[in-house]
Protein backbone atom coordinates (compact mmCIF):
# COMPACT_ATOMS: atom_id res chain seq x y z
CA UNK A 1 0.00 0.00 0.00
CA UNK A 2 1.46 3.38 -1.04
CA UNK A 3 1.51 6.31 1.36
CA UNK A 4 -0.70 9.23 0.44
CA UNK A 5 1.03 11.90 2.48
CA UNK A 6 1.00 15.66 2.03
CA UNK A 7 -1.57 15.74 -0.77
CA UNK A 8 -1.89 19.35 -1.77
CA UNK A 9 -3.87 21.56 -4.06
CA UNK A 10 -2.00 22.86 -7.06
CA UNK A 11 -3.70 26.18 -7.77
CA UNK A 12 -1.91 29.13 -9.37
CA UNK A 13 -3.56 32.33 -8.08
CA UNK A 14 -2.07 35.05 -10.25
CA UNK A 15 -1.84 33.49 -13.75
CA UNK A 16 -5.63 33.29 -14.50
CA UNK A 17 -6.30 36.77 -13.05
CA UNK A 18 -3.53 38.30 -15.16
CA UNK A 19 -3.96 36.26 -18.39
CA UNK A 20 -7.77 36.43 -18.30
CA UNK A 21 -7.59 40.29 -18.59
CA UNK A 22 -4.42 40.67 -20.68
CA UNK A 23 -6.49 41.87 -23.73
CA UNK A 24 -9.11 43.89 -21.89
CA UNK A 25 -7.35 47.19 -22.52
CA UNK A 26 -7.39 46.98 -26.33
CA UNK A 27 -10.80 48.62 -26.51
CA UNK A 28 -11.95 49.75 -29.96
CA UNK A 29 -14.18 52.78 -29.98
CA UNK A 30 -17.78 51.96 -30.83
CA UNK A 31 -19.11 55.44 -31.59
CA UNK A 32 -17.32 55.93 -34.95
CA UNK A 33 -16.21 53.61 -37.71
CA UNK A 34 -13.16 54.28 -39.83
CA UNK A 35 -13.54 53.38 -43.49
CA UNK A 36 -10.38 51.47 -44.34
CA UNK A 37 -11.13 51.06 -48.05
CA UNK A 38 -8.40 52.45 -50.31
CA UNK A 39 -9.50 55.32 -52.56
CA UNK A 40 -9.35 54.56 -56.31
CA UNK A 41 -6.28 55.76 -58.16
CA UNK A 42 -7.05 58.41 -60.80
CA UNK A 43 -4.86 60.20 -63.30
CA UNK A 44 -4.35 63.93 -63.47
CA UNK A 45 -6.62 64.07 -66.53
CA UNK A 46 -9.69 62.53 -64.96
CA UNK A 47 -9.70 63.92 -61.41
CA UNK A 48 -13.24 65.01 -60.60
CA UNK A 49 -14.78 66.75 -57.66
CA UNK A 50 -16.53 63.51 -56.69
CA UNK A 51 -13.25 61.58 -56.74
CA UNK A 52 -11.56 64.22 -54.65
CA UNK A 53 -14.42 64.16 -52.15
CA UNK A 54 -14.36 60.35 -52.01
CA UNK A 55 -10.63 60.37 -51.39
CA UNK A 56 -11.03 62.79 -48.52
CA UNK A 57 -13.92 60.79 -47.06
CA UNK A 58 -11.86 57.62 -46.68
CA UNK A 59 -8.96 59.30 -44.91
CA UNK A 60 -8.59 57.79 -41.41
CA UNK A 61 -9.54 59.83 -38.38
CA UNK A 62 -6.88 60.98 -35.95
CA UNK A 63 -6.37 58.51 -33.12
CA UNK A 64 -6.19 59.51 -29.48
CA UNK A 65 -4.44 56.78 -27.51
CA UNK A 66 -3.68 56.15 -23.85
CA UNK A 67 -2.23 53.17 -22.02
CA UNK A 68 -2.42 51.53 -18.61
CA UNK A 69 0.51 49.76 -16.98
CA UNK A 70 -1.07 46.48 -15.92
CA UNK A 71 1.87 45.50 -13.70
CA UNK A 72 1.09 48.54 -11.57
CA UNK A 73 -2.64 47.87 -11.80
CA UNK A 74 -2.31 44.33 -10.41
CA UNK A 75 -0.10 45.48 -7.55
CA UNK A 76 -2.06 48.59 -6.56
CA UNK A 77 -5.72 47.91 -7.37
CA UNK A 78 -7.30 47.04 -4.02
CA UNK A 79 -9.81 44.63 -5.50
CA UNK A 80 -7.04 42.48 -6.99
CA UNK A 81 -4.99 42.45 -3.79
CA UNK A 82 -7.92 41.59 -1.52
CA UNK A 83 -9.27 38.98 -3.94
CA UNK A 84 -5.89 37.23 -4.01
CA UNK A 85 -5.75 37.23 -0.21
CA UNK A 86 -9.21 35.66 0.02
CA UNK A 87 -8.32 32.99 -2.54
CA UNK A 88 -5.07 32.24 -0.75
CA UNK A 89 -6.91 31.89 2.56
CA UNK A 90 -9.40 29.50 0.98
CA UNK A 91 -6.56 27.42 -0.46
CA UNK A 92 -4.77 27.28 2.88
CA UNK A 93 -7.94 26.14 4.66
CA UNK A 94 -8.50 23.39 2.12
CA UNK A 95 -4.86 22.35 2.27
CA UNK A 96 -5.03 22.16 6.07
CA UNK A 97 -8.08 19.93 5.89
CA UNK A 98 -6.45 17.65 3.34
CA UNK A 99 -3.23 17.48 5.35
CA UNK A 100 -5.24 16.45 8.41
CA UNK A 101 -6.86 13.58 6.53
CA UNK A 102 -3.53 12.52 5.05
CA UNK A 103 -1.97 12.53 8.54
CA UNK A 104 -4.76 10.38 9.95
CA UNK A 105 -4.41 7.91 7.07
CA UNK A 106 -0.66 7.71 7.68
CA UNK A 107 -1.15 7.16 11.41
CA UNK A 108 -3.79 4.47 10.85
CA UNK A 109 -1.59 2.71 8.34
CA UNK A 110 1.44 2.71 10.65
CA UNK A 111 -0.72 1.40 13.49
CA UNK A 112 -1.97 -1.40 11.21
CA UNK A 113 1.60 -2.33 10.30
CA UNK A 114 2.68 -2.44 13.95
CA UNK A 115 -0.28 -4.58 14.97
CA UNK A 116 0.25 -6.90 12.04
CA UNK A 117 3.91 -7.44 12.89
CA UNK A 118 2.99 -8.10 16.52
CA UNK A 119 0.41 -10.71 15.48
CA UNK A 120 -2.37 -8.73 17.15
CA UNK A 121 -4.83 -8.95 14.23
CA UNK A 122 -6.90 -11.84 12.99
CA UNK A 123 -7.23 -12.39 9.26
CA UNK A 124 -10.68 -10.81 9.34
CA UNK A 125 -9.36 -7.79 11.26
CA UNK A 126 -6.56 -7.38 8.74
CA UNK A 127 -9.07 -7.49 5.89
CA UNK A 128 -11.39 -5.00 7.59
CA UNK A 129 -8.51 -2.63 8.35
CA UNK A 130 -7.18 -2.77 4.82
CA UNK A 131 -10.65 -1.98 3.45
CA UNK A 132 -10.95 0.90 5.89
CA UNK A 133 -7.55 2.30 4.85
CA UNK A 134 -8.40 1.95 1.17
CA UNK A 135 -11.66 3.83 1.70
CA UNK A 136 -9.84 6.57 3.60
CA UNK A 137 -7.45 6.95 0.71
CA UNK A 138 -10.26 7.12 -1.86
CA UNK A 139 -12.19 9.63 0.25
CA UNK A 140 -9.08 11.81 0.45
CA UNK A 141 -8.64 11.79 -3.33
CA UNK A 142 -12.31 12.64 -3.89
CA UNK A 143 -12.14 15.43 -1.30
CA UNK A 144 -9.09 16.91 -2.99
CA UNK A 145 -10.86 16.86 -6.33
CA UNK A 146 -13.95 18.56 -4.89
CA UNK A 147 -11.87 21.23 -3.19
CA UNK A 148 -9.81 21.86 -6.31
CA UNK A 149 -13.02 22.30 -8.30
CA UNK A 150 -14.46 24.58 -5.62
CA UNK A 151 -11.35 26.76 -5.63
CA UNK A 152 -11.35 26.94 -9.43
CA UNK A 153 -14.98 28.12 -9.33
CA UNK A 154 -14.12 30.78 -6.76
CA UNK A 155 -11.20 31.92 -8.88
CA UNK A 156 -13.35 32.10 -12.01
CA UNK A 157 -15.98 34.14 -10.18
CA UNK A 158 -13.31 36.60 -9.04
CA UNK A 159 -11.87 36.76 -12.55
CA UNK A 160 -15.30 37.44 -14.08
CA UNK A 161 -16.00 40.17 -11.57
CA UNK A 162 -12.60 41.74 -12.19
CA UNK A 163 -13.08 41.55 -15.95
CA UNK A 164 -16.53 43.15 -15.84
CA UNK A 165 -15.33 45.89 -13.50
CA UNK A 166 -12.32 46.87 -15.61
CA UNK A 167 -14.11 46.69 -18.96
CA UNK A 168 -17.03 48.78 -17.70
CA UNK A 169 -14.75 51.34 -16.09
CA UNK A 170 -12.38 51.70 -19.07
CA UNK A 171 -15.25 52.01 -21.53
CA UNK A 172 -16.62 54.93 -19.52
CA UNK A 173 -13.12 56.35 -19.04
CA UNK A 174 -12.39 56.15 -22.79
CA UNK A 175 -15.61 57.94 -23.68
CA UNK A 176 -15.15 60.54 -20.95
CA UNK A 177 -11.66 61.45 -22.20
CA UNK A 178 -12.45 60.94 -25.90
CA UNK A 179 -9.80 58.24 -26.40
CA UNK A 180 -9.83 56.03 -29.47
CA UNK A 181 -7.85 53.23 -27.84
CA UNK A 182 -6.71 52.33 -24.35
CA UNK A 183 -3.82 49.88 -24.54
CA UNK A 184 -2.19 47.76 -21.88
CA UNK A 185 1.49 48.15 -21.13
CA UNK A 186 3.40 45.64 -19.05
CA UNK A 187 6.17 43.09 -18.92
CA UNK A 188 4.37 40.57 -21.14
CA UNK A 189 2.48 43.01 -23.37
CA UNK A 190 3.00 43.67 -27.05
CA UNK A 191 3.53 47.37 -26.42
CA UNK A 192 7.30 47.76 -26.20
CA UNK A 193 7.62 51.50 -25.69
CA UNK A 194 5.40 54.54 -25.31
CA UNK A 195 5.70 58.16 -24.35
CA UNK A 196 4.96 58.81 -20.66
CA UNK A 197 2.43 61.49 -21.61
CA UNK A 198 0.06 58.73 -22.75
CA UNK A 199 0.22 56.92 -19.40
CA UNK A 200 -3.09 57.13 -17.51
CA UNK A 201 -2.25 54.36 -15.04
CA UNK A 202 -2.17 56.52 -11.93
CA UNK A 203 -5.53 58.13 -12.66
CA UNK A 204 -7.16 54.79 -13.53
CA UNK A 205 -5.89 53.11 -10.35
CA UNK A 206 -6.90 56.08 -8.20
CA UNK A 207 -10.42 56.12 -9.57
CA UNK A 208 -10.82 52.33 -9.49
CA UNK A 209 -9.74 52.27 -5.84
CA UNK A 210 -12.09 55.14 -4.99
CA UNK A 211 -14.95 53.26 -6.64
CA UNK A 212 -14.00 50.07 -4.78
CA UNK A 213 -13.85 51.87 -1.41
CA UNK A 214 -17.26 53.45 -2.04
CA UNK A 215 -18.84 50.09 -2.91
CA UNK A 216 -17.31 48.42 0.16
CA UNK A 217 -18.53 51.13 2.52
CA UNK A 218 -22.04 51.47 1.10
C-alpha atoms as a PDB file:
ATOM      1  CA  UNK A   1       0.000   0.000   0.000  1.00  0.00           C
ATOM      2  CA  UNK A   2       1.463   3.375  -1.044  1.00  0.00           C
ATOM      3  CA  UNK A   3       1.512   6.306   1.364  1.00  0.00           C
ATOM      4  CA  UNK A   4      -0.699   9.228   0.443  1.00  0.00           C
ATOM      5  CA  UNK A   5       1.032  11.902   2.476  1.00  0.00           C
ATOM      6  CA  UNK A   6       1.002  15.661   2.031  1.00  0.00           C
ATOM      7  CA  UNK A   7      -1.570  15.743  -0.769  1.00  0.00           C
ATOM      8  CA  UNK A   8      -1.889  19.352  -1.775  1.00  0.00           C
ATOM      9  CA  UNK A   9      -3.869  21.561  -4.065  1.00  0.00           C
ATOM     10  CA  UNK A  10      -1.998  22.865  -7.064  1.00  0.00           C
ATOM     11  CA  UNK A  11      -3.699  26.175  -7.774  1.00  0.00           C
ATOM     12  CA  UNK A  12      -1.906  29.129  -9.368  1.00  0.00           C
ATOM     13  CA  UNK A  13      -3.559  32.332  -8.082  1.00  0.00           C
ATOM     14  CA  UNK A  14      -2.075  35.053 -10.247  1.00  0.00           C
ATOM     15  CA  UNK A  15      -1.837  33.487 -13.747  1.00  0.00           C
ATOM     16  CA  UNK A  16      -5.634  33.289 -14.503  1.00  0.00           C
ATOM     17  CA  UNK A  17      -6.298  36.771 -13.049  1.00  0.00           C
ATOM     18  CA  UNK A  18      -3.528  38.296 -15.161  1.00  0.00           C
ATOM     19  CA  UNK A  19      -3.962  36.261 -18.393  1.00  0.00           C
ATOM     20  CA  UNK A  20      -7.773  36.430 -18.301  1.00  0.00           C
ATOM     21  CA  UNK A  21      -7.591  40.290 -18.591  1.00  0.00           C
ATOM     22  CA  UNK A  22      -4.419  40.666 -20.683  1.00  0.00           C
ATOM     23  CA  UNK A  23      -6.486  41.866 -23.731  1.00  0.00           C
ATOM     24  CA  UNK A  24      -9.108  43.890 -21.888  1.00  0.00           C
ATOM     25  CA  UNK A  25      -7.354  47.185 -22.525  1.00  0.00           C
ATOM     26  CA  UNK A  26      -7.394  46.976 -26.335  1.00  0.00           C
ATOM     27  CA  UNK A  27     -10.803  48.619 -26.513  1.00  0.00           C
ATOM     28  CA  UNK A  28     -11.945  49.753 -29.965  1.00  0.00           C
ATOM     29  CA  UNK A  29     -14.180  52.776 -29.980  1.00  0.00           C
ATOM     30  CA  UNK A  30     -17.780  51.963 -30.830  1.00  0.00           C
ATOM     31  CA  UNK A  31     -19.113  55.443 -31.593  1.00  0.00           C
ATOM     32  CA  UNK A  32     -17.321  55.929 -34.948  1.00  0.00           C
ATOM     33  CA  UNK A  33     -16.213  53.614 -37.713  1.00  0.00           C
ATOM     34  CA  UNK A  34     -13.157  54.282 -39.829  1.00  0.00           C
ATOM     35  CA  UNK A  35     -13.536  53.377 -43.485  1.00  0.00           C
ATOM     36  CA  UNK A  36     -10.376  51.468 -44.337  1.00  0.00           C
ATOM     37  CA  UNK A  37     -11.126  51.062 -48.055  1.00  0.00           C
ATOM     38  CA  UNK A  38      -8.397  52.452 -50.305  1.00  0.00           C
ATOM     39  CA  UNK A  39      -9.504  55.316 -52.555  1.00  0.00           C
ATOM     40  CA  UNK A  40      -9.352  54.556 -56.308  1.00  0.00           C
ATOM     41  CA  UNK A  41      -6.283  55.763 -58.163  1.00  0.00           C
ATOM     42  CA  UNK A  42      -7.054  58.409 -60.803  1.00  0.00           C
ATOM     43  CA  UNK A  43      -4.863  60.203 -63.303  1.00  0.00           C
ATOM     44  CA  UNK A  44      -4.349  63.934 -63.471  1.00  0.00           C
ATOM     45  CA  UNK A  45      -6.618  64.072 -66.533  1.00  0.00           C
ATOM     46  CA  UNK A  46      -9.689  62.532 -64.957  1.00  0.00           C
ATOM     47  CA  UNK A  47      -9.699  63.923 -61.413  1.00  0.00           C
ATOM     48  CA  UNK A  48     -13.243  65.007 -60.599  1.00  0.00           C
ATOM     49  CA  UNK A  49     -14.779  66.752 -57.656  1.00  0.00           C
ATOM     50  CA  UNK A  50     -16.534  63.509 -56.689  1.00  0.00           C
ATOM     51  CA  UNK A  51     -13.248  61.576 -56.743  1.00  0.00           C
ATOM     52  CA  UNK A  52     -11.559  64.217 -54.654  1.00  0.00           C
ATOM     53  CA  UNK A  53     -14.416  64.158 -52.153  1.00  0.00           C
ATOM     54  CA  UNK A  54     -14.356  60.352 -52.013  1.00  0.00           C
ATOM     55  CA  UNK A  55     -10.625  60.374 -51.395  1.00  0.00           C
ATOM     56  CA  UNK A  56     -11.026  62.790 -48.520  1.00  0.00           C
ATOM     57  CA  UNK A  57     -13.916  60.786 -47.062  1.00  0.00           C
ATOM     58  CA  UNK A  58     -11.858  57.621 -46.681  1.00  0.00           C
ATOM     59  CA  UNK A  59      -8.962  59.299 -44.907  1.00  0.00           C
ATOM     60  CA  UNK A  60      -8.585  57.793 -41.406  1.00  0.00           C
ATOM     61  CA  UNK A  61      -9.538  59.826 -38.380  1.00  0.00           C
ATOM     62  CA  UNK A  62      -6.880  60.977 -35.947  1.00  0.00           C
ATOM     63  CA  UNK A  63      -6.367  58.513 -33.116  1.00  0.00           C
ATOM     64  CA  UNK A  64      -6.186  59.513 -29.479  1.00  0.00           C
ATOM     65  CA  UNK A  65      -4.444  56.784 -27.505  1.00  0.00           C
ATOM     66  CA  UNK A  66      -3.682  56.148 -23.849  1.00  0.00           C
ATOM     67  CA  UNK A  67      -2.228  53.168 -22.020  1.00  0.00           C
ATOM     68  CA  UNK A  68      -2.422  51.531 -18.611  1.00  0.00           C
ATOM     69  CA  UNK A  69       0.515  49.757 -16.977  1.00  0.00           C
ATOM     70  CA  UNK A  70      -1.066  46.476 -15.923  1.00  0.00           C
ATOM     71  CA  UNK A  71       1.867  45.501 -13.702  1.00  0.00           C
ATOM     72  CA  UNK A  72       1.090  48.540 -11.569  1.00  0.00           C
ATOM     73  CA  UNK A  73      -2.636  47.870 -11.795  1.00  0.00           C
ATOM     74  CA  UNK A  74      -2.314  44.331 -10.406  1.00  0.00           C
ATOM     75  CA  UNK A  75      -0.097  45.477  -7.551  1.00  0.00           C
ATOM     76  CA  UNK A  76      -2.061  48.591  -6.561  1.00  0.00           C
ATOM     77  CA  UNK A  77      -5.717  47.914  -7.370  1.00  0.00           C
ATOM     78  CA  UNK A  78      -7.305  47.044  -4.019  1.00  0.00           C
ATOM     79  CA  UNK A  79      -9.809  44.633  -5.497  1.00  0.00           C
ATOM     80  CA  UNK A  80      -7.042  42.480  -6.989  1.00  0.00           C
ATOM     81  CA  UNK A  81      -4.986  42.445  -3.793  1.00  0.00           C
ATOM     82  CA  UNK A  82      -7.925  41.585  -1.524  1.00  0.00           C
ATOM     83  CA  UNK A  83      -9.268  38.982  -3.940  1.00  0.00           C
ATOM     84  CA  UNK A  84      -5.891  37.229  -4.008  1.00  0.00           C
ATOM     85  CA  UNK A  85      -5.747  37.235  -0.208  1.00  0.00           C
ATOM     86  CA  UNK A  86      -9.207  35.658   0.016  1.00  0.00           C
ATOM     87  CA  UNK A  87      -8.320  32.988  -2.537  1.00  0.00           C
ATOM     88  CA  UNK A  88      -5.067  32.238  -0.748  1.00  0.00           C
ATOM     89  CA  UNK A  89      -6.913  31.889   2.565  1.00  0.00           C
ATOM     90  CA  UNK A  90      -9.398  29.495   0.977  1.00  0.00           C
ATOM     91  CA  UNK A  91      -6.563  27.416  -0.465  1.00  0.00           C
ATOM     92  CA  UNK A  92      -4.773  27.285   2.880  1.00  0.00           C
ATOM     93  CA  UNK A  93      -7.935  26.136   4.657  1.00  0.00           C
ATOM     94  CA  UNK A  94      -8.497  23.391   2.117  1.00  0.00           C
ATOM     95  CA  UNK A  95      -4.861  22.348   2.267  1.00  0.00           C
ATOM     96  CA  UNK A  96      -5.027  22.165   6.065  1.00  0.00           C
ATOM     97  CA  UNK A  97      -8.080  19.926   5.894  1.00  0.00           C
ATOM     98  CA  UNK A  98      -6.451  17.653   3.342  1.00  0.00           C
ATOM     99  CA  UNK A  99      -3.233  17.481   5.347  1.00  0.00           C
ATOM    100  CA  UNK A 100      -5.243  16.446   8.408  1.00  0.00           C
ATOM    101  CA  UNK A 101      -6.863  13.583   6.533  1.00  0.00           C
ATOM    102  CA  UNK A 102      -3.530  12.523   5.051  1.00  0.00           C
ATOM    103  CA  UNK A 103      -1.970  12.534   8.539  1.00  0.00           C
ATOM    104  CA  UNK A 104      -4.764  10.379   9.947  1.00  0.00           C
ATOM    105  CA  UNK A 105      -4.406   7.912   7.065  1.00  0.00           C
ATOM    106  CA  UNK A 106      -0.664   7.707   7.682  1.00  0.00           C
ATOM    107  CA  UNK A 107      -1.152   7.160  11.413  1.00  0.00           C
ATOM    108  CA  UNK A 108      -3.795   4.473  10.850  1.00  0.00           C
ATOM    109  CA  UNK A 109      -1.592   2.707   8.340  1.00  0.00           C
ATOM    110  CA  UNK A 110       1.441   2.715  10.652  1.00  0.00           C
ATOM    111  CA  UNK A 111      -0.722   1.397  13.488  1.00  0.00           C
ATOM    112  CA  UNK A 112      -1.972  -1.396  11.209  1.00  0.00           C
ATOM    113  CA  UNK A 113       1.603  -2.333  10.295  1.00  0.00           C
ATOM    114  CA  UNK A 114       2.679  -2.435  13.951  1.00  0.00           C
ATOM    115  CA  UNK A 115      -0.277  -4.575  14.973  1.00  0.00           C
ATOM    116  CA  UNK A 116       0.250  -6.901  12.044  1.00  0.00           C
ATOM    117  CA  UNK A 117       3.910  -7.440  12.886  1.00  0.00           C
ATOM    118  CA  UNK A 118       2.987  -8.104  16.515  1.00  0.00           C
ATOM    119  CA  UNK A 119       0.411 -10.714  15.480  1.00  0.00           C
ATOM    120  CA  UNK A 120      -2.368  -8.733  17.146  1.00  0.00           C
ATOM    121  CA  UNK A 121      -4.827  -8.951  14.234  1.00  0.00           C
ATOM    122  CA  UNK A 122      -6.898 -11.842  12.987  1.00  0.00           C
ATOM    123  CA  UNK A 123      -7.231 -12.386   9.258  1.00  0.00           C
ATOM    124  CA  UNK A 124     -10.678 -10.806   9.343  1.00  0.00           C
ATOM    125  CA  UNK A 125      -9.364  -7.788  11.262  1.00  0.00           C
ATOM    126  CA  UNK A 126      -6.556  -7.380   8.736  1.00  0.00           C
ATOM    127  CA  UNK A 127      -9.068  -7.489   5.889  1.00  0.00           C
ATOM    128  CA  UNK A 128     -11.392  -5.000   7.594  1.00  0.00           C
ATOM    129  CA  UNK A 129      -8.507  -2.632   8.352  1.00  0.00           C
ATOM    130  CA  UNK A 130      -7.185  -2.773   4.818  1.00  0.00           C
ATOM    131  CA  UNK A 131     -10.647  -1.984   3.450  1.00  0.00           C
ATOM    132  CA  UNK A 132     -10.950   0.904   5.889  1.00  0.00           C
ATOM    133  CA  UNK A 133      -7.547   2.296   4.854  1.00  0.00           C
ATOM    134  CA  UNK A 134      -8.401   1.954   1.170  1.00  0.00           C
ATOM    135  CA  UNK A 135     -11.663   3.830   1.696  1.00  0.00           C
ATOM    136  CA  UNK A 136      -9.836   6.572   3.598  1.00  0.00           C
ATOM    137  CA  UNK A 137      -7.452   6.948   0.714  1.00  0.00           C
ATOM    138  CA  UNK A 138     -10.262   7.119  -1.863  1.00  0.00           C
ATOM    139  CA  UNK A 139     -12.186   9.631   0.249  1.00  0.00           C
ATOM    140  CA  UNK A 140      -9.084  11.805   0.450  1.00  0.00           C
ATOM    141  CA  UNK A 141      -8.644  11.790  -3.326  1.00  0.00           C
ATOM    142  CA  UNK A 142     -12.314  12.644  -3.886  1.00  0.00           C
ATOM    143  CA  UNK A 143     -12.137  15.430  -1.302  1.00  0.00           C
ATOM    144  CA  UNK A 144      -9.090  16.912  -2.991  1.00  0.00           C
ATOM    145  CA  UNK A 145     -10.862  16.860  -6.334  1.00  0.00           C
ATOM    146  CA  UNK A 146     -13.949  18.565  -4.894  1.00  0.00           C
ATOM    147  CA  UNK A 147     -11.865  21.225  -3.187  1.00  0.00           C
ATOM    148  CA  UNK A 148      -9.812  21.858  -6.313  1.00  0.00           C
ATOM    149  CA  UNK A 149     -13.022  22.304  -8.301  1.00  0.00           C
ATOM    150  CA  UNK A 150     -14.457  24.582  -5.619  1.00  0.00           C
ATOM    151  CA  UNK A 151     -11.346  26.756  -5.631  1.00  0.00           C
ATOM    152  CA  UNK A 152     -11.348  26.941  -9.426  1.00  0.00           C
ATOM    153  CA  UNK A 153     -14.979  28.122  -9.329  1.00  0.00           C
ATOM    154  CA  UNK A 154     -14.116  30.784  -6.756  1.00  0.00           C
ATOM    155  CA  UNK A 155     -11.196  31.924  -8.883  1.00  0.00           C
ATOM    156  CA  UNK A 156     -13.348  32.098 -12.009  1.00  0.00           C
ATOM    157  CA  UNK A 157     -15.977  34.145 -10.181  1.00  0.00           C
ATOM    158  CA  UNK A 158     -13.308  36.604  -9.043  1.00  0.00           C
ATOM    159  CA  UNK A 159     -11.875  36.761 -12.549  1.00  0.00           C
ATOM    160  CA  UNK A 160     -15.301  37.435 -14.080  1.00  0.00           C
ATOM    161  CA  UNK A 161     -15.998  40.169 -11.566  1.00  0.00           C
ATOM    162  CA  UNK A 162     -12.604  41.740 -12.190  1.00  0.00           C
ATOM    163  CA  UNK A 163     -13.085  41.551 -15.953  1.00  0.00           C
ATOM    164  CA  UNK A 164     -16.530  43.152 -15.837  1.00  0.00           C
ATOM    165  CA  UNK A 165     -15.334  45.887 -13.497  1.00  0.00           C
ATOM    166  CA  UNK A 166     -12.320  46.866 -15.608  1.00  0.00           C
ATOM    167  CA  UNK A 167     -14.113  46.690 -18.956  1.00  0.00           C
ATOM    168  CA  UNK A 168     -17.027  48.776 -17.703  1.00  0.00           C
ATOM    169  CA  UNK A 169     -14.750  51.344 -16.095  1.00  0.00           C
ATOM    170  CA  UNK A 170     -12.382  51.695 -19.069  1.00  0.00           C
ATOM    171  CA  UNK A 171     -15.250  52.006 -21.528  1.00  0.00           C
ATOM    172  CA  UNK A 172     -16.619  54.927 -19.521  1.00  0.00           C
ATOM    173  CA  UNK A 173     -13.121  56.351 -19.041  1.00  0.00           C
ATOM    174  CA  UNK A 174     -12.390  56.152 -22.785  1.00  0.00           C
ATOM    175  CA  UNK A 175     -15.614  57.938 -23.682  1.00  0.00           C
ATOM    176  CA  UNK A 176     -15.154  60.541 -20.947  1.00  0.00           C
ATOM    177  CA  UNK A 177     -11.665  61.449 -22.198  1.00  0.00           C
ATOM    178  CA  UNK A 178     -12.450  60.937 -25.898  1.00  0.00           C
ATOM    179  CA  UNK A 179      -9.800  58.240 -26.397  1.00  0.00           C
ATOM    180  CA  UNK A 180      -9.834  56.033 -29.475  1.00  0.00           C
ATOM    181  CA  UNK A 181      -7.847  53.225 -27.838  1.00  0.00           C
ATOM    182  CA  UNK A 182      -6.707  52.327 -24.351  1.00  0.00           C
ATOM    183  CA  UNK A 183      -3.820  49.881 -24.540  1.00  0.00           C
ATOM    184  CA  UNK A 184      -2.191  47.760 -21.877  1.00  0.00           C
ATOM    185  CA  UNK A 185       1.487  48.151 -21.133  1.00  0.00           C
ATOM    186  CA  UNK A 186       3.395  45.640 -19.049  1.00  0.00           C
ATOM    187  CA  UNK A 187       6.165  43.088 -18.919  1.00  0.00           C
ATOM    188  CA  UNK A 188       4.369  40.567 -21.139  1.00  0.00           C
ATOM    189  CA  UNK A 189       2.480  43.007 -23.369  1.00  0.00           C
ATOM    190  CA  UNK A 190       3.000  43.672 -27.048  1.00  0.00           C
ATOM    191  CA  UNK A 191       3.531  47.375 -26.418  1.00  0.00           C
ATOM    192  CA  UNK A 192       7.304  47.763 -26.203  1.00  0.00           C
ATOM    193  CA  UNK A 193       7.623  51.498 -25.690  1.00  0.00           C
ATOM    194  CA  UNK A 194       5.397  54.536 -25.311  1.00  0.00           C
ATOM    195  CA  UNK A 195       5.701  58.157 -24.348  1.00  0.00           C
ATOM    196  CA  UNK A 196       4.959  58.814 -20.662  1.00  0.00           C
ATOM    197  CA  UNK A 197       2.428  61.494 -21.606  1.00  0.00           C
ATOM    198  CA  UNK A 198       0.062  58.729 -22.748  1.00  0.00           C
ATOM    199  CA  UNK A 199       0.224  56.922 -19.399  1.00  0.00           C
ATOM    200  CA  UNK A 200      -3.089  57.131 -17.512  1.00  0.00           C
ATOM    201  CA  UNK A 201      -2.251  54.362 -15.038  1.00  0.00           C
ATOM    202  CA  UNK A 202      -2.171  56.517 -11.930  1.00  0.00           C
ATOM    203  CA  UNK A 203      -5.530  58.134 -12.656  1.00  0.00           C
ATOM    204  CA  UNK A 204      -7.159  54.792 -13.527  1.00  0.00           C
ATOM    205  CA  UNK A 205      -5.888  53.106 -10.347  1.00  0.00           C
ATOM    206  CA  UNK A 206      -6.898  56.079  -8.197  1.00  0.00           C
ATOM    207  CA  UNK A 207     -10.423  56.116  -9.572  1.00  0.00           C
ATOM    208  CA  UNK A 208     -10.820  52.332  -9.487  1.00  0.00           C
ATOM    209  CA  UNK A 209      -9.740  52.271  -5.835  1.00  0.00           C
ATOM    210  CA  UNK A 210     -12.089  55.143  -4.992  1.00  0.00           C
ATOM    211  CA  UNK A 211     -14.946  53.264  -6.644  1.00  0.00           C
ATOM    212  CA  UNK A 212     -14.004  50.071  -4.780  1.00  0.00           C
ATOM    213  CA  UNK A 213     -13.849  51.868  -1.412  1.00  0.00           C
ATOM    214  CA  UNK A 214     -17.255  53.452  -2.038  1.00  0.00           C
ATOM    215  CA  UNK A 215     -18.844  50.090  -2.913  1.00  0.00           C
ATOM    216  CA  UNK A 216     -17.306  48.417   0.155  1.00  0.00           C
ATOM    217  CA  UNK A 217     -18.528  51.125   2.518  1.00  0.00           C
ATOM    218  CA  UNK A 218     -22.036  51.465   1.103  1.00  0.00           C
END
